[in-house]
C-alpha atoms as a PDB file:
ATOM      1  CA  UNK A   1       0.000   0.000   0.000  1.00  0.00           C
ATOM      2  CA  UNK A   2       1.302   3.415  -0.976  1.00  0.00           C
ATOM      3  CA  UNK A   3       0.271   5.514   2.024  1.00  0.00           C
ATOM      4  CA  UNK A   4       3.000   6.328   4.537  1.00  0.00           C
ATOM      5  CA  UNK A   5       1.526   7.955   7.637  1.00  0.00           C
ATOM      6  CA  UNK A   6       4.639   8.400   9.765  1.00  0.00           C
ATOM      7  CA  UNK A   7       7.310  10.501   8.050  1.00  0.00           C
ATOM      8  CA  UNK A   8       9.877  12.847   9.614  1.00  0.00           C
ATOM      9  CA  UNK A   9      11.937  15.725   8.283  1.00  0.00           C
ATOM     10  CA  UNK A  10      14.470  18.216   9.566  1.00  0.00           C
ATOM     11  CA  UNK A  11      11.652  19.848  11.550  1.00  0.00           C
ATOM     12  CA  UNK A  12      12.171  16.926  13.933  1.00  0.00           C
ATOM     13  CA  UNK A  13      15.268  17.375  16.061  1.00  0.00           C
ATOM     14  CA  UNK A  14      16.422  13.811  15.357  1.00  0.00           C
ATOM     15  CA  UNK A  15      16.177  14.099  11.558  1.00  0.00           C
ATOM     16  CA  UNK A  16      18.445  16.030   9.176  1.00  0.00           C
ATOM     17  CA  UNK A  17      16.614  15.462   5.864  1.00  0.00           C
ATOM     18  CA  UNK A  18      14.931  18.468   4.270  1.00  0.00           C
ATOM     19  CA  UNK A  19      11.175  18.091   3.939  1.00  0.00           C
ATOM     20  CA  UNK A  20      11.303  18.639   0.171  1.00  0.00           C
ATOM     21  CA  UNK A  21      13.943  15.923  -0.207  1.00  0.00           C
ATOM     22  CA  UNK A  22      11.630  13.518   1.603  1.00  0.00           C
ATOM     23  CA  UNK A  23       8.828  14.455  -0.788  1.00  0.00           C
ATOM     24  CA  UNK A  24      11.013  13.906  -3.856  1.00  0.00           C
ATOM     25  CA  UNK A  25      12.131  10.513  -2.574  1.00  0.00           C
ATOM     26  CA  UNK A  26       8.557   9.543  -1.760  1.00  0.00           C
ATOM     27  CA  UNK A  27       7.593  10.295  -5.359  1.00  0.00           C
ATOM     28  CA  UNK A  28      10.538   8.262  -6.661  1.00  0.00           C
ATOM     29  CA  UNK A  29       9.539   5.395  -4.344  1.00  0.00           C
ATOM     30  CA  UNK A  30       6.040   5.403  -5.849  1.00  0.00           C
ATOM     31  CA  UNK A  31       4.123   6.552  -2.804  1.00  0.00           C
ATOM     32  CA  UNK A  32       0.719   8.083  -3.486  1.00  0.00           C
ATOM     33  CA  UNK A  33       0.390   9.847  -0.168  1.00  0.00           C
ATOM     34  CA  UNK A  34       2.596  10.777   2.779  1.00  0.00           C
ATOM     35  CA  UNK A  35       1.864  12.426   6.077  1.00  0.00           C
ATOM     36  CA  UNK A  36       4.574  14.381   7.825  1.00  0.00           C
ATOM     37  CA  UNK A  37       4.404  13.689  11.548  1.00  0.00           C
ATOM     38  CA  UNK A  38       7.307  15.575  13.022  1.00  0.00           C
ATOM     39  CA  UNK A  39       7.984  15.368  16.743  1.00  0.00           C
ATOM     40  CA  UNK A  40       6.465  17.536  19.435  1.00  0.00           C
ATOM     41  CA  UNK A  41       7.631  16.190  22.812  1.00  0.00           C
ATOM     42  CA  UNK A  42       7.174  18.496  25.766  1.00  0.00           C
ATOM     43  CA  UNK A  43       9.316  17.816  28.839  1.00  0.00           C
ATOM     44  CA  UNK A  44      11.346  15.114  27.113  1.00  0.00           C
ATOM     45  CA  UNK A  45      13.629  13.427  29.621  1.00  0.00           C
ATOM     46  CA  UNK A  46      16.871  13.227  27.644  1.00  0.00           C
ATOM     47  CA  UNK A  47      18.771  16.443  28.330  1.00  0.00           C
ATOM     48  CA  UNK A  48      20.910  16.005  25.209  1.00  0.00           C
ATOM     49  CA  UNK A  49      18.004  16.636  22.835  1.00  0.00           C
ATOM     50  CA  UNK A  50      15.037  19.022  22.705  1.00  0.00           C
ATOM     51  CA  UNK A  51      11.995  17.885  20.729  1.00  0.00           C
ATOM     52  CA  UNK A  52      10.499  21.284  20.083  1.00  0.00           C
ATOM     53  CA  UNK A  53       8.781  22.164  16.819  1.00  0.00           C
ATOM     54  CA  UNK A  54       8.733  25.445  14.903  1.00  0.00           C
ATOM     55  CA  UNK A  55       5.086  24.966  14.098  1.00  0.00           C
ATOM     56  CA  UNK A  56       4.609  28.149  12.083  1.00  0.00           C
ATOM     57  CA  UNK A  57       7.517  27.366   9.732  1.00  0.00           C
ATOM     58  CA  UNK A  58       6.383  23.718   9.626  1.00  0.00           C
ATOM     59  CA  UNK A  59       2.911  24.649   8.452  1.00  0.00           C
ATOM     60  CA  UNK A  60       4.250  27.160   5.933  1.00  0.00           C
ATOM     61  CA  UNK A  61       6.613  24.643   4.325  1.00  0.00           C
ATOM     62  CA  UNK A  62       3.955  21.926   4.246  1.00  0.00           C
ATOM     63  CA  UNK A  63       1.522  24.256   2.476  1.00  0.00           C
ATOM     64  CA  UNK A  64       4.192  25.206  -0.060  1.00  0.00           C
ATOM     65  CA  UNK A  65       5.077  21.609  -0.856  1.00  0.00           C
ATOM     66  CA  UNK A  66       1.450  20.484  -1.022  1.00  0.00           C
ATOM     67  CA  UNK A  67       0.850  23.050  -3.736  1.00  0.00           C
ATOM     68  CA  UNK A  68       4.127  22.472  -5.596  1.00  0.00           C
ATOM     69  CA  UNK A  69       3.773  18.679  -5.829  1.00  0.00           C
ATOM     70  CA  UNK A  70      -0.022  18.420  -5.974  1.00  0.00           C
ATOM     71  CA  UNK A  71       0.054  16.639  -9.347  1.00  0.00           C
ATOM     72  CA  UNK A  72       2.573  14.026  -8.158  1.00  0.00           C
ATOM     73  CA  UNK A  73       1.746  13.114  -4.570  1.00  0.00           C
ATOM     74  CA  UNK A  74      -0.716  13.931  -1.799  1.00  0.00           C
ATOM     75  CA  UNK A  75       0.879  15.456   1.276  1.00  0.00           C
ATOM     76  CA  UNK A  76      -0.985  15.550   4.582  1.00  0.00           C
ATOM     77  CA  UNK A  77      -0.259  17.668   7.631  1.00  0.00           C
ATOM     78  CA  UNK A  78       0.319  15.575  10.730  1.00  0.00           C
ATOM     79  CA  UNK A  79       2.188  15.594  14.013  1.00  0.00           C
ATOM     80  CA  UNK A  80       3.594  13.046  16.445  1.00  0.00           C
ATOM     81  CA  UNK A  81       2.778  14.056  20.008  1.00  0.00           C
ATOM     82  CA  UNK A  82       4.916  12.623  22.781  1.00  0.00           C
ATOM     83  CA  UNK A  83       2.328  11.852  25.452  1.00  0.00           C
ATOM     84  CA  UNK A  84       2.960  11.746  29.186  1.00  0.00           C
ATOM     85  CA  UNK A  85       0.278  11.829  31.899  1.00  0.00           C
ATOM     86  CA  UNK A  86       1.384  15.157  33.380  1.00  0.00           C
ATOM     87  CA  UNK A  87       1.336  17.084  30.062  1.00  0.00           C
ATOM     88  CA  UNK A  88      -1.947  15.933  28.519  1.00  0.00           C
ATOM     89  CA  UNK A  89      -3.700  19.241  29.225  1.00  0.00           C
ATOM     90  CA  UNK A  90      -0.820  21.140  27.631  1.00  0.00           C
ATOM     91  CA  UNK A  91      -1.017  18.950  24.534  1.00  0.00           C
ATOM     92  CA  UNK A  92      -4.767  19.470  24.277  1.00  0.00           C
ATOM     93  CA  UNK A  93      -4.263  23.242  24.340  1.00  0.00           C
ATOM     94  CA  UNK A  94      -1.496  23.022  21.757  1.00  0.00           C
ATOM     95  CA  UNK A  95      -3.501  20.915  19.299  1.00  0.00           C
ATOM     96  CA  UNK A  96      -6.546  23.171  19.578  1.00  0.00           C
ATOM     97  CA  UNK A  97      -4.594  26.014  17.930  1.00  0.00           C
ATOM     98  CA  UNK A  98      -3.797  24.165  14.696  1.00  0.00           C
ATOM     99  CA  UNK A  99      -5.496  22.281  11.907  1.00  0.00           C
ATOM    100  CA  UNK A 100      -3.946  18.836  11.507  1.00  0.00           C
ATOM    101  CA  UNK A 101      -5.053  16.068   9.164  1.00  0.00           C
ATOM    102  CA  UNK A 102      -3.622  13.391  11.432  1.00  0.00           C
ATOM    103  CA  UNK A 103      -2.260  13.073  14.965  1.00  0.00           C
ATOM    104  CA  UNK A 104      -0.171  10.232  16.376  1.00  0.00           C
ATOM    105  CA  UNK A 105       0.023   9.822  20.145  1.00  0.00           C
ATOM    106  CA  UNK A 106       3.346   8.167  20.979  1.00  0.00           C
ATOM    107  CA  UNK A 107       4.963   7.466  24.318  1.00  0.00           C
ATOM    108  CA  UNK A 108       8.734   7.936  24.218  1.00  0.00           C
ATOM    109  CA  UNK A 109       9.235   8.210  27.959  1.00  0.00           C
ATOM    110  CA  UNK A 110       7.659   6.419  30.905  1.00  0.00           C
ATOM    111  CA  UNK A 111       7.539   7.374  34.554  1.00  0.00           C
ATOM    112  CA  UNK A 112       9.353  10.536  33.351  1.00  0.00           C
ATOM    113  CA  UNK A 113      12.353   8.458  32.317  1.00  0.00           C
ATOM    114  CA  UNK A 114      13.742   8.025  28.811  1.00  0.00           C
ATOM    115  CA  UNK A 115      13.390   4.771  26.865  1.00  0.00           C
ATOM    116  CA  UNK A 116      15.917   5.525  24.141  1.00  0.00           C
ATOM    117  CA  UNK A 117      19.040   5.723  26.298  1.00  0.00           C
ATOM    118  CA  UNK A 118      17.830   2.980  28.622  1.00  0.00           C
ATOM    119  CA  UNK A 119      17.272   4.957  31.836  1.00  0.00           C
ATOM    120  CA  UNK A 120      13.730   3.665  32.122  1.00  0.00           C
ATOM    121  CA  UNK A 121      14.870   0.044  32.241  1.00  0.00           C
ATOM    122  CA  UNK A 122      17.341   0.433  35.106  1.00  0.00           C
ATOM    123  CA  UNK A 123      16.590  -0.780  38.649  1.00  0.00           C
ATOM    124  CA  UNK A 124      13.588  -2.885  37.632  1.00  0.00           C
ATOM    125  CA  UNK A 125      12.998  -6.174  35.881  1.00  0.00           C
ATOM    126  CA  UNK A 126      12.092  -6.320  32.174  1.00  0.00           C
ATOM    127  CA  UNK A 127       8.561  -7.441  33.033  1.00  0.00           C
ATOM    128  CA  UNK A 128       8.153  -4.564  35.495  1.00  0.00           C
ATOM    129  CA  UNK A 129       9.428  -2.129  32.852  1.00  0.00           C
ATOM    130  CA  UNK A 130       7.008  -3.289  30.176  1.00  0.00           C
ATOM    131  CA  UNK A 131       4.047  -3.386  32.558  1.00  0.00           C
ATOM    132  CA  UNK A 132       4.683   0.180  33.742  1.00  0.00           C
ATOM    133  CA  UNK A 133       4.984   1.282  30.128  1.00  0.00           C
ATOM    134  CA  UNK A 134       1.653  -0.274  29.124  1.00  0.00           C
ATOM    135  CA  UNK A 135      -0.103   1.009  32.243  1.00  0.00           C
ATOM    136  CA  UNK A 136       1.019   4.562  31.518  1.00  0.00           C
ATOM    137  CA  UNK A 137       0.135   4.205  27.833  1.00  0.00           C
ATOM    138  CA  UNK A 138      -3.342   3.029  28.853  1.00  0.00           C
ATOM    139  CA  UNK A 139      -3.734   6.067  31.107  1.00  0.00           C
ATOM    140  CA  UNK A 140      -2.777   8.416  28.272  1.00  0.00           C
ATOM    141  CA  UNK A 141      -4.987   6.624  25.771  1.00  0.00           C
ATOM    142  CA  UNK A 142      -7.954   6.820  28.132  1.00  0.00           C
ATOM    143  CA  UNK A 143      -7.545  10.405  29.311  1.00  0.00           C
ATOM    144  CA  UNK A 144      -6.455  12.102  26.086  1.00  0.00           C
ATOM    145  CA  UNK A 145      -8.822  12.749  23.207  1.00  0.00           C
ATOM    146  CA  UNK A 146      -6.797  14.761  20.693  1.00  0.00           C
ATOM    147  CA  UNK A 147      -5.281  11.981  18.583  1.00  0.00           C
ATOM    148  CA  UNK A 148      -6.217   9.497  15.863  1.00  0.00           C
ATOM    149  CA  UNK A 149      -3.898   6.540  16.444  1.00  0.00           C
ATOM    150  CA  UNK A 150      -1.382   5.341  19.001  1.00  0.00           C
ATOM    151  CA  UNK A 151       2.096   5.056  17.529  1.00  0.00           C
ATOM    152  CA  UNK A 152       4.602   2.176  17.794  1.00  0.00           C
ATOM    153  CA  UNK A 153       2.552   0.641  20.574  1.00  0.00           C
ATOM    154  CA  UNK A 154       5.114  -1.874  21.878  1.00  0.00           C
ATOM    155  CA  UNK A 155       8.068   0.504  21.586  1.00  0.00           C
ATOM    156  CA  UNK A 156      10.156  -0.930  24.484  1.00  0.00           C
ATOM    157  CA  UNK A 157      11.141  -3.935  22.392  1.00  0.00           C
ATOM    158  CA  UNK A 158      12.885  -1.632  19.901  1.00  0.00           C
ATOM    159  CA  UNK A 159      15.403  -0.938  22.634  1.00  0.00           C
ATOM    160  CA  UNK A 160      16.157  -4.576  23.284  1.00  0.00           C
ATOM    161  CA  UNK A 161      19.810  -3.712  23.763  1.00  0.00           C
ATOM    162  CA  UNK A 162      18.686  -2.357  27.134  1.00  0.00           C
ATOM    163  CA  UNK A 163      16.273  -5.095  28.183  1.00  0.00           C
ATOM    164  CA  UNK A 164      15.222  -8.404  26.570  1.00  0.00           C
ATOM    165  CA  UNK A 165      11.957  -8.307  24.585  1.00  0.00           C
ATOM    166  CA  UNK A 166       9.024  -9.634  26.581  1.00  0.00           C
ATOM    167  CA  UNK A 167       6.180 -11.828  25.339  1.00  0.00           C
ATOM    168  CA  UNK A 168       3.207  -9.688  24.393  1.00  0.00           C
ATOM    169  CA  UNK A 169       0.791 -12.162  25.969  1.00  0.00           C
ATOM    170  CA  UNK A 170       2.072 -11.200  29.429  1.00  0.00           C
ATOM    171  CA  UNK A 171       0.400  -7.818  29.028  1.00  0.00           C
ATOM    172  CA  UNK A 172      -2.802  -8.708  27.212  1.00  0.00           C
ATOM    173  CA  UNK A 173      -4.878  -7.734  30.269  1.00  0.00           C
ATOM    174  CA  UNK A 174      -3.808  -4.093  29.925  1.00  0.00           C
ATOM    175  CA  UNK A 175      -3.778  -4.109  26.119  1.00  0.00           C
ATOM    176  CA  UNK A 176      -7.302  -5.501  25.975  1.00  0.00           C
ATOM    177  CA  UNK A 177      -8.582  -2.614  28.094  1.00  0.00           C
ATOM    178  CA  UNK A 178      -6.645  -0.118  25.981  1.00  0.00           C
ATOM    179  CA  UNK A 179      -8.043  -1.508  22.733  1.00  0.00           C
ATOM    180  CA  UNK A 180     -11.611  -1.531  24.044  1.00  0.00           C
ATOM    181  CA  UNK A 181     -11.182   2.131  24.948  1.00  0.00           C
ATOM    182  CA  UNK A 182      -9.770   3.037  21.531  1.00  0.00           C
ATOM    183  CA  UNK A 183     -12.351   1.096  19.559  1.00  0.00           C
ATOM    184  CA  UNK A 184     -15.228   2.592  21.558  1.00  0.00           C
ATOM    185  CA  UNK A 185     -13.987   6.115  20.801  1.00  0.00           C
ATOM    186  CA  UNK A 186     -13.267   5.583  17.097  1.00  0.00           C
ATOM    187  CA  UNK A 187      -9.491   5.642  17.425  1.00  0.00           C
ATOM    188  CA  UNK A 188      -6.895   3.215  16.135  1.00  0.00           C
ATOM    189  CA  UNK A 189      -3.296   2.118  16.101  1.00  0.00           C
ATOM    190  CA  UNK A 190      -0.476   2.387  13.621  1.00  0.00           C
ATOM    191  CA  UNK A 191       1.704  -0.407  12.314  1.00  0.00           C
ATOM    192  CA  UNK A 192       5.181   1.055  12.520  1.00  0.00           C
ATOM    193  CA  UNK A 193       7.662  -0.756  10.302  1.00  0.00           C
ATOM    194  CA  UNK A 194      10.811   0.709  11.876  1.00  0.00           C
ATOM    195  CA  UNK A 195      11.110  -2.474  13.925  1.00  0.00           C
ATOM    196  CA  UNK A 196      11.769  -4.463  10.752  1.00  0.00           C
ATOM    197  CA  UNK A 197      15.223  -2.885  10.473  1.00  0.00           C
ATOM    198  CA  UNK A 198      15.982  -2.757  14.216  1.00  0.00           C
ATOM    199  CA  UNK A 199      17.186  -5.530  16.590  1.00  0.00           C
ATOM    200  CA  UNK A 200      13.630  -6.671  17.398  1.00  0.00           C
ATOM    201  CA  UNK A 201      13.121  -7.561  13.691  1.00  0.00           C
ATOM    202  CA  UNK A 202       9.329  -7.260  13.672  1.00  0.00           C
ATOM    203  CA  UNK A 203       6.651  -4.638  13.292  1.00  0.00           C
ATOM    204  CA  UNK A 204       5.478  -2.413  16.122  1.00  0.00           C
ATOM    205  CA  UNK A 205       3.102  -3.735  17.322  1.00  0.00           C
ATOM    206  CA  UNK A 206       3.757  -7.421  16.860  1.00  0.00           C
ATOM    207  CA  UNK A 207       1.567  -9.906  15.060  1.00  0.00           C
ATOM    208  CA  UNK A 208       0.291 -11.212  18.407  1.00  0.00           C
ATOM    209  CA  UNK A 209      -0.866  -7.772  19.501  1.00  0.00           C
ATOM    210  CA  UNK A 210      -2.484  -7.082  16.122  1.00  0.00           C
ATOM    211  CA  UNK A 211      -4.352 -10.362  16.410  1.00  0.00           C
ATOM    212  CA  UNK A 212      -5.717  -9.289  19.801  1.00  0.00           C
ATOM    213  CA  UNK A 213      -6.752  -5.905  18.390  1.00  0.00           C
ATOM    214  CA  UNK A 214      -8.587  -7.557  15.510  1.00  0.00           C
ATOM    215  CA  UNK A 215     -10.342 -10.057  17.812  1.00  0.00           C
ATOM    216  CA  UNK A 216     -11.810  -7.158  19.782  1.00  0.00           C
ATOM    217  CA  UNK A 217     -13.183  -5.524  16.629  1.00  0.00           C
ATOM    218  CA  UNK A 218     -10.321  -3.148  15.898  1.00  0.00           C
ATOM    219  CA  UNK A 219     -10.372  -1.799  12.339  1.00  0.00           C
ATOM    220  CA  UNK A 220      -8.506   1.522  12.224  1.00  0.00           C
ATOM    221  CA  UNK A 221      -4.937   0.794  11.130  1.00  0.00           C
ATOM    222  CA  UNK A 222      -2.413   3.175   9.566  1.00  0.00           C
ATOM    223  CA  UNK A 223       0.898   2.214   7.981  1.00  0.00           C
ATOM    224  CA  UNK A 224       3.940   4.208   9.043  1.00  0.00           C
ATOM    225  CA  UNK A 225       7.601   3.782   8.227  1.00  0.00           C
ATOM    226  CA  UNK A 226       8.719   6.228  10.943  1.00  0.00           C
ATOM    227  CA  UNK A 227      11.293   7.237   8.361  1.00  0.00           C
ATOM    228  CA  UNK A 228      14.060   9.606   9.372  1.00  0.00           C
ATOM    229  CA  UNK A 229      15.941   8.668   6.185  1.00  0.00           C
ATOM    230  CA  UNK A 230      14.633   8.570   2.586  1.00  0.00           C
ATOM    231  CA  UNK A 231      15.512   4.891   2.101  1.00  0.00           C
ATOM    232  CA  UNK A 232      13.032   3.891   4.806  1.00  0.00           C
ATOM    233  CA  UNK A 233       9.961   5.447   3.166  1.00  0.00           C
ATOM    234  CA  UNK A 234       7.303   2.759   2.724  1.00  0.00           C
ATOM    235  CA  UNK A 235       9.648   0.192   4.237  1.00  0.00           C
ATOM    236  CA  UNK A 236       8.153  -3.303   4.494  1.00  0.00           C
ATOM    237  CA  UNK A 237       4.613  -2.240   3.592  1.00  0.00           C
ATOM    238  CA  UNK A 238       3.939  -5.143   1.207  1.00  0.00           C
ATOM    239  CA  UNK A 239       5.036  -7.630   3.863  1.00  0.00           C
ATOM    240  CA  UNK A 240       2.842  -5.978   6.488  1.00  0.00           C
ATOM    241  CA  UNK A 241      -0.205  -5.893   4.212  1.00  0.00           C
ATOM    242  CA  UNK A 242       0.097  -9.643   3.661  1.00  0.00           C
ATOM    243  CA  UNK A 243       0.213 -10.139   7.416  1.00  0.00           C
ATOM    244  CA  UNK A 244      -2.830  -7.920   7.883  1.00  0.00           C
ATOM    245  CA  UNK A 245      -4.851  -9.880   5.344  1.00  0.00           C
ATOM    246  CA  UNK A 246      -3.883 -13.140   7.037  1.00  0.00           C
ATOM    247  CA  UNK A 247      -5.110 -11.727  10.350  1.00  0.00           C
ATOM    248  CA  UNK A 248      -8.479 -10.786   8.868  1.00  0.00           C
ATOM    249  CA  UNK A 249      -8.000  -7.066   8.278  1.00  0.00           C
ATOM    250  CA  UNK A 250      -9.551  -5.827   5.041  1.00  0.00           C
ATOM    251  CA  UNK A 251      -8.581  -2.165   5.085  1.00  0.00           C
ATOM    252  CA  UNK A 252      -5.909   0.310   6.032  1.00  0.00           C
ATOM    253  CA  UNK A 253      -6.869   3.853   6.998  1.00  0.00           C
ATOM    254  CA  UNK A 254      -5.972   7.304   5.719  1.00  0.00           C
ATOM    255  CA  UNK A 255      -7.020  10.633   7.221  1.00  0.00           C
ATOM    256  CA  UNK A 256      -7.992  14.114   6.123  1.00  0.00           C
ATOM    257  CA  UNK A 257      -8.995  16.743   8.673  1.00  0.00           C
ATOM    258  CA  UNK A 258      -8.821  13.830  11.140  1.00  0.00           C
ATOM    259  CA  UNK A 259     -11.634  11.989   9.369  1.00  0.00           C
ATOM    260  CA  UNK A 260     -10.799   8.368   8.431  1.00  0.00           C
ATOM    261  CA  UNK A 261     -11.101   6.821   4.994  1.00  0.00           C
ATOM    262  CA  UNK A 262     -10.801   3.068   4.594  1.00  0.00           C
ATOM    263  CA  UNK A 263      -8.667   1.774   1.728  1.00  0.00           C
ATOM    264  CA  UNK A 264      -9.129  -1.856   0.763  1.00  0.00           C
ATOM    265  CA  UNK A 265      -5.980  -3.965   0.962  1.00  0.00           C
ATOM    266  CA  UNK A 266      -5.507  -5.546  -2.509  1.00  0.00           C
END
């Protein structure tokens, strides 16, 4: 499927690729539609990096590129919000000031400790780490309204150099409650393919978690490469679509003005 709903540019602190270069590469890759979802993480817990976003310049450049490349590719205006329980009200106020097509809610820190550098995993067992992560994600998913999908839902496994990956089934009690909440409110999850080229070597979330989501009636699924480099645009999408069909999913989802459209998986 040719719809990449998790793309970064140099408006994200951790990406150096110009937005227009990403667009050109997306066209060359054959993508029909991309959504830029650059980072906005308030109170991020790694002091070596600040995930702020120049939102005015971001919107201006997106509007320019949408017009310039309108005959070659559809470009949507999105954002990836880093959710934490203590900043949800701030994020709600921020989102209310702008007009996004698509919003990802992602949790990059837990218990106000960073996942990426491994601080979160210290002084507790792997199972305790994962359970705290899912409990906090459930809290954010339940008490925050201003998003469309939850991003890279089982993110801790991507940092398996810090703690061994844990079986998803150990946390199905929390995930089941999270999915019931999302489904009831018309929200979904993304399949993030960045895990396919990381040590965990599988999508985020895993096949087991996707199977649980489907069994509960989950339908809203977006595909996202989480690309910070042009070569990762659309990465692994054909493989993931085959997996989705085998699990009983019939559609992937695109968004405009935060309204979903269901695209049949061929």
